[in-house]
């Protein structure tokens, strides 16, 4: 399952705007700013997915995303792989590369972005 968190700064506060979750079968976009959704409701929906050790969660450059998921939704991520950190280990350098770059290098697939 792929996860991405989009956020912005408003008056010095970080606000999560959307959560994108993808699996081979489904792509889900959660509008966290929707007046119909509460943080508690989003958390109760995501908790069984995020805490399930049988589901591998993939994120790219997730340092801030993990902190925001914990602080906003009280969610931790079980069975998680950060593709940016894995790439750093493989290339033995300290520069984070974009997901499109590493997908192209390792798989030959060019991602539209």
N, C-alpha and C. Protein backbone atom coordinates (compact mmCIF):
# COMPACT_ATOMS: atom_id res chain seq x y z
N UNK A 1 0.85 -1.16 0.00
CA UNK A 1 0.00 0.00 0.00
C UNK A 1 0.90 1.23 0.00
N UNK A 2 0.69 2.12 -0.93
CA UNK A 2 1.45 3.36 -1.00
C UNK A 2 0.71 4.47 -0.27
N UNK A 3 1.46 5.30 0.44
CA UNK A 3 0.86 6.38 1.23
C UNK A 3 1.62 7.67 0.96
N UNK A 4 0.86 8.77 0.79
CA UNK A 4 1.47 10.08 0.67
C UNK A 4 0.62 11.08 1.44
N UNK A 5 1.27 11.99 2.13
CA UNK A 5 0.61 13.01 2.93
C UNK A 5 0.94 14.37 2.31
N UNK A 6 -0.09 15.15 2.01
CA UNK A 6 0.11 16.51 1.51
C UNK A 6 -0.30 17.48 2.62
N UNK A 7 0.50 18.52 2.81
CA UNK A 7 0.23 19.46 3.88
C UNK A 7 0.72 20.84 3.49
N UNK A 8 0.30 21.83 4.27
CA UNK A 8 0.75 23.21 4.06
C UNK A 8 0.86 23.89 5.42
N UNK A 9 1.51 25.04 5.43
CA UNK A 9 1.65 25.82 6.66
C UNK A 9 0.63 26.95 6.64
N UNK A 10 -0.06 27.10 7.77
CA UNK A 10 -1.02 28.20 7.90
C UNK A 10 -0.82 28.83 9.26
N UNK A 11 -0.38 30.07 9.25
CA UNK A 11 -0.12 30.81 10.49
C UNK A 11 0.78 30.03 11.45
N UNK A 12 1.84 29.43 10.90
CA UNK A 12 2.82 28.70 11.69
C UNK A 12 2.41 27.30 12.10
N UNK A 13 1.26 26.85 11.65
CA UNK A 13 0.76 25.52 11.99
C UNK A 13 0.75 24.66 10.73
N UNK A 14 1.17 23.40 10.86
CA UNK A 14 1.13 22.48 9.73
C UNK A 14 -0.27 21.87 9.66
N UNK A 15 -0.88 21.97 8.49
CA UNK A 15 -2.23 21.46 8.27
C UNK A 15 -2.17 20.38 7.20
N UNK A 16 -2.64 19.17 7.52
CA UNK A 16 -2.72 18.11 6.52
C UNK A 16 -3.93 18.39 5.63
N UNK A 17 -3.68 18.46 4.33
CA UNK A 17 -4.79 18.73 3.42
C UNK A 17 -5.35 17.44 2.81
N UNK A 18 -4.47 16.54 2.39
CA UNK A 18 -4.96 15.29 1.79
C UNK A 18 -4.07 14.12 2.19
N UNK A 19 -4.67 12.96 2.20
CA UNK A 19 -3.96 11.69 2.34
C UNK A 19 -4.26 10.89 1.08
N UNK A 20 -3.22 10.40 0.46
CA UNK A 20 -3.37 9.56 -0.73
C UNK A 20 -2.92 8.16 -0.35
N UNK A 21 -3.79 7.19 -0.62
CA UNK A 21 -3.51 5.80 -0.30
C UNK A 21 -3.80 4.98 -1.55
N UNK A 22 -2.83 4.17 -1.96
CA UNK A 22 -3.00 3.36 -3.17
C UNK A 22 -2.64 1.92 -2.89
N UNK A 23 -3.40 1.04 -3.49
CA UNK A 23 -3.11 -0.39 -3.49
C UNK A 23 -3.22 -0.84 -4.94
N UNK A 24 -2.87 -2.08 -5.24
CA UNK A 24 -3.01 -2.53 -6.63
C UNK A 24 -4.46 -2.44 -7.13
N UNK A 25 -5.43 -2.51 -6.22
CA UNK A 25 -6.83 -2.49 -6.62
C UNK A 25 -7.49 -1.12 -6.55
N UNK A 26 -6.99 -0.23 -5.69
CA UNK A 26 -7.72 0.99 -5.37
C UNK A 26 -6.79 2.17 -5.16
N UNK A 27 -7.25 3.34 -5.56
CA UNK A 27 -6.60 4.60 -5.22
C UNK A 27 -7.63 5.41 -4.41
N UNK A 28 -7.19 5.90 -3.27
CA UNK A 28 -8.08 6.62 -2.37
C UNK A 28 -7.47 7.97 -2.05
N UNK A 29 -8.26 9.01 -2.15
CA UNK A 29 -7.83 10.36 -1.79
C UNK A 29 -8.77 10.87 -0.70
N UNK A 30 -8.20 11.18 0.46
CA UNK A 30 -8.99 11.66 1.59
C UNK A 30 -8.76 13.16 1.73
N UNK A 31 -9.83 13.93 1.63
CA UNK A 31 -9.78 15.37 1.81
C UNK A 31 -9.89 15.66 3.31
N UNK A 32 -8.77 15.91 3.95
CA UNK A 32 -8.74 16.11 5.40
C UNK A 32 -9.31 17.47 5.80
N UNK A 33 -9.56 18.32 4.85
CA UNK A 33 -10.14 19.64 5.14
C UNK A 33 -11.65 19.64 5.00
N UNK A 34 -12.22 18.53 4.58
CA UNK A 34 -13.66 18.42 4.40
C UNK A 34 -14.37 18.62 5.73
N UNK A 35 -15.42 19.40 5.71
CA UNK A 35 -16.17 19.63 6.95
C UNK A 35 -16.93 18.39 7.39
N UNK A 36 -17.10 17.40 6.50
CA UNK A 36 -17.81 16.16 6.83
C UNK A 36 -16.92 15.17 7.58
N UNK A 37 -15.62 15.39 7.59
CA UNK A 37 -14.70 14.44 8.20
C UNK A 37 -14.02 15.04 9.42
N UNK A 38 -14.00 14.30 10.50
CA UNK A 38 -13.26 14.71 11.68
C UNK A 38 -11.95 13.93 11.73
N UNK A 39 -10.98 14.44 12.45
CA UNK A 39 -9.71 13.74 12.61
C UNK A 39 -9.93 12.37 13.23
N UNK A 40 -10.86 12.29 14.19
CA UNK A 40 -11.15 11.02 14.85
C UNK A 40 -11.75 10.02 13.86
N UNK A 41 -12.61 10.49 12.98
CA UNK A 41 -13.23 9.60 11.98
C UNK A 41 -12.19 9.09 10.98
N UNK A 42 -11.31 9.98 10.54
CA UNK A 42 -10.24 9.57 9.63
C UNK A 42 -9.33 8.55 10.31
N UNK A 43 -8.97 8.83 11.56
CA UNK A 43 -8.10 7.93 12.32
C UNK A 43 -8.73 6.56 12.49
N UNK A 44 -10.00 6.50 12.81
CA UNK A 44 -10.65 5.20 13.02
C UNK A 44 -10.74 4.40 11.72
N UNK A 45 -10.83 5.08 10.59
CA UNK A 45 -10.83 4.41 9.29
C UNK A 45 -9.44 3.86 8.95
N UNK A 46 -8.41 4.66 9.22
CA UNK A 46 -7.05 4.30 8.81
C UNK A 46 -6.33 3.35 9.77
N UNK A 47 -6.68 3.38 11.03
CA UNK A 47 -5.96 2.60 12.04
C UNK A 47 -5.84 1.11 11.69
N UNK A 48 -6.93 0.42 11.28
CA UNK A 48 -6.77 -1.00 10.95
C UNK A 48 -5.80 -1.25 9.79
N UNK A 49 -5.72 -0.32 8.84
CA UNK A 49 -4.79 -0.46 7.72
C UNK A 49 -3.35 -0.19 8.15
N UNK A 50 -3.15 0.92 8.85
CA UNK A 50 -1.81 1.36 9.21
C UNK A 50 -1.17 0.46 10.27
N UNK A 51 -1.98 -0.17 11.11
CA UNK A 51 -1.44 -1.01 12.19
C UNK A 51 -1.38 -2.48 11.81
N UNK A 52 -1.83 -2.84 10.63
CA UNK A 52 -1.83 -4.23 10.19
C UNK A 52 -0.43 -4.63 9.71
N UNK A 53 0.25 -5.55 10.41
CA UNK A 53 1.61 -5.93 10.00
C UNK A 53 1.64 -6.76 8.71
N UNK A 54 0.50 -7.25 8.27
CA UNK A 54 0.46 -8.03 7.03
C UNK A 54 0.42 -7.16 5.78
N UNK A 55 0.21 -5.86 5.97
CA UNK A 55 0.18 -4.92 4.85
C UNK A 55 1.46 -4.10 4.86
N UNK A 56 2.25 -4.21 3.79
CA UNK A 56 3.46 -3.39 3.65
C UNK A 56 3.05 -1.99 3.23
N UNK A 57 3.52 -0.98 3.97
CA UNK A 57 3.25 0.40 3.64
C UNK A 57 4.50 1.01 3.02
N UNK A 58 4.35 1.61 1.84
CA UNK A 58 5.46 2.26 1.14
C UNK A 58 5.24 3.76 1.15
N UNK A 59 6.30 4.49 1.51
CA UNK A 59 6.26 5.94 1.47
C UNK A 59 7.60 6.41 0.92
N UNK A 60 7.64 7.64 0.45
CA UNK A 60 8.88 8.19 -0.09
C UNK A 60 9.18 9.49 0.64
N UNK A 61 10.34 9.53 1.30
CA UNK A 61 10.73 10.74 2.04
C UNK A 61 9.72 11.04 3.14
N UNK A 62 9.49 10.08 4.01
CA UNK A 62 8.35 10.12 4.93
C UNK A 62 8.64 10.70 6.29
N UNK A 63 9.79 11.31 6.49
CA UNK A 63 10.13 11.82 7.83
C UNK A 63 9.02 12.71 8.39
N UNK A 64 8.63 13.74 7.65
CA UNK A 64 7.57 14.65 8.11
C UNK A 64 6.21 13.95 8.11
N UNK A 65 5.95 13.12 7.12
CA UNK A 65 4.66 12.44 7.03
C UNK A 65 4.39 11.60 8.28
N UNK A 66 5.40 10.87 8.75
CA UNK A 66 5.22 10.03 9.94
C UNK A 66 4.92 10.86 11.18
N UNK A 67 5.60 11.97 11.32
CA UNK A 67 5.37 12.86 12.46
C UNK A 67 3.95 13.43 12.39
N UNK A 68 3.53 13.84 11.21
CA UNK A 68 2.20 14.43 11.05
C UNK A 68 1.09 13.40 11.27
N UNK A 69 1.29 12.18 10.78
CA UNK A 69 0.29 11.13 11.02
C UNK A 69 0.12 10.87 12.51
N UNK A 70 1.23 10.89 13.23
CA UNK A 70 1.18 10.65 14.67
C UNK A 70 0.53 11.84 15.40
N UNK A 71 0.94 13.05 15.06
CA UNK A 71 0.44 14.21 15.80
C UNK A 71 -1.01 14.55 15.45
N UNK A 72 -1.42 14.34 14.20
CA UNK A 72 -2.78 14.70 13.80
C UNK A 72 -3.80 13.59 14.02
N UNK A 73 -3.39 12.35 13.80
CA UNK A 73 -4.33 11.24 13.85
C UNK A 73 -3.99 10.18 14.90
N UNK A 74 -2.91 10.40 15.64
CA UNK A 74 -2.41 9.42 16.61
C UNK A 74 -2.19 8.05 15.95
N UNK A 75 -1.64 8.08 14.74
CA UNK A 75 -1.39 6.86 13.98
C UNK A 75 0.10 6.60 13.87
N UNK A 76 0.48 5.39 14.15
CA UNK A 76 1.83 4.94 13.83
C UNK A 76 1.69 4.01 12.64
N UNK A 77 2.80 3.72 11.99
CA UNK A 77 2.77 2.89 10.79
C UNK A 77 3.57 1.63 11.06
N UNK A 78 2.93 0.48 10.95
CA UNK A 78 3.54 -0.82 11.20
C UNK A 78 3.86 -1.47 9.85
N UNK A 79 5.07 -2.07 9.74
CA UNK A 79 5.53 -2.71 8.51
C UNK A 79 5.64 -1.68 7.39
N UNK A 80 6.64 -0.85 7.52
CA UNK A 80 6.79 0.35 6.70
C UNK A 80 8.15 0.39 6.02
N UNK A 81 8.18 0.88 4.78
CA UNK A 81 9.43 1.05 4.05
C UNK A 81 9.44 2.42 3.40
N UNK A 82 10.50 3.18 3.64
CA UNK A 82 10.67 4.48 3.01
C UNK A 82 11.61 4.30 1.82
N UNK A 83 11.08 4.46 0.62
CA UNK A 83 11.87 4.23 -0.59
C UNK A 83 13.02 5.22 -0.71
N UNK A 84 12.87 6.43 -0.19
CA UNK A 84 13.97 7.41 -0.24
C UNK A 84 15.13 6.96 0.64
N UNK A 85 14.82 6.47 1.84
CA UNK A 85 15.86 5.99 2.76
C UNK A 85 16.53 4.73 2.21
N UNK A 86 15.74 3.85 1.61
CA UNK A 86 16.31 2.65 1.01
C UNK A 86 17.27 3.03 -0.11
N UNK A 87 16.88 3.99 -0.94
CA UNK A 87 17.75 4.45 -2.02
C UNK A 87 19.05 5.02 -1.47
N UNK A 88 18.98 5.78 -0.38
CA UNK A 88 20.20 6.33 0.23
C UNK A 88 21.14 5.22 0.66
N UNK A 89 20.59 4.15 1.21
CA UNK A 89 21.42 3.01 1.61
C UNK A 89 22.05 2.32 0.40
N UNK A 90 21.30 2.22 -0.67
CA UNK A 90 21.80 1.52 -1.85
C UNK A 90 22.88 2.31 -2.58
N UNK A 91 22.72 3.64 -2.66
CA UNK A 91 23.70 4.43 -3.42
C UNK A 91 24.82 4.97 -2.54
N UNK A 92 24.67 4.84 -1.22
CA UNK A 92 25.70 5.27 -0.26
C UNK A 92 26.05 6.75 -0.42
N UNK A 93 25.02 7.57 -0.65
CA UNK A 93 25.19 9.02 -0.72
C UNK A 93 24.17 9.67 0.20
N UNK A 94 24.29 10.97 0.39
CA UNK A 94 23.40 11.67 1.31
C UNK A 94 22.37 12.55 0.62
N UNK A 95 22.21 12.43 -0.70
CA UNK A 95 21.23 13.29 -1.35
C UNK A 95 19.95 12.50 -1.66
N UNK A 96 18.83 13.01 -1.13
CA UNK A 96 17.55 12.38 -1.40
C UNK A 96 17.16 12.61 -2.86
N UNK A 97 16.80 11.54 -3.53
CA UNK A 97 16.37 11.64 -4.92
C UNK A 97 14.86 11.43 -4.99
N UNK A 98 14.26 11.99 -6.03
CA UNK A 98 12.82 11.88 -6.21
C UNK A 98 12.39 10.46 -6.55
N UNK A 99 11.13 10.18 -6.28
CA UNK A 99 10.58 8.86 -6.55
C UNK A 99 10.66 8.52 -8.04
N UNK A 100 10.38 9.48 -8.89
CA UNK A 100 10.46 9.25 -10.32
C UNK A 100 11.87 8.86 -10.77
N UNK A 101 12.85 9.52 -10.21
CA UNK A 101 14.25 9.23 -10.54
C UNK A 101 14.64 7.82 -10.15
N UNK A 102 14.29 7.42 -8.93
CA UNK A 102 14.72 6.09 -8.50
C UNK A 102 13.91 4.98 -9.18
N UNK A 103 12.63 5.23 -9.47
CA UNK A 103 11.84 4.23 -10.22
C UNK A 103 12.43 4.02 -11.61
N UNK A 104 12.81 5.11 -12.25
CA UNK A 104 13.39 4.99 -13.58
C UNK A 104 14.73 4.25 -13.52
N UNK A 105 15.54 4.57 -12.53
CA UNK A 105 16.85 3.93 -12.42
C UNK A 105 16.74 2.43 -12.14
N UNK A 106 15.89 2.05 -11.18
CA UNK A 106 15.84 0.65 -10.76
C UNK A 106 14.93 -0.22 -11.62
N UNK A 107 13.90 0.39 -12.24
CA UNK A 107 12.94 -0.42 -13.00
C UNK A 107 12.87 -0.07 -14.48
N UNK A 108 13.40 1.09 -14.85
CA UNK A 108 13.29 1.54 -16.24
C UNK A 108 11.94 2.18 -16.55
N UNK A 109 11.09 2.30 -15.52
CA UNK A 109 9.77 2.90 -15.71
C UNK A 109 9.86 4.39 -15.47
N UNK A 110 9.36 5.17 -16.45
CA UNK A 110 9.32 6.63 -16.29
C UNK A 110 7.95 7.01 -15.77
N UNK A 111 7.95 7.66 -14.62
CA UNK A 111 6.69 8.05 -13.98
C UNK A 111 6.31 9.46 -14.40
N UNK A 112 5.08 9.63 -14.86
CA UNK A 112 4.62 11.01 -15.12
C UNK A 112 4.39 11.70 -13.79
N UNK A 113 4.83 12.90 -13.66
CA UNK A 113 4.67 13.60 -12.38
C UNK A 113 4.16 14.98 -12.65
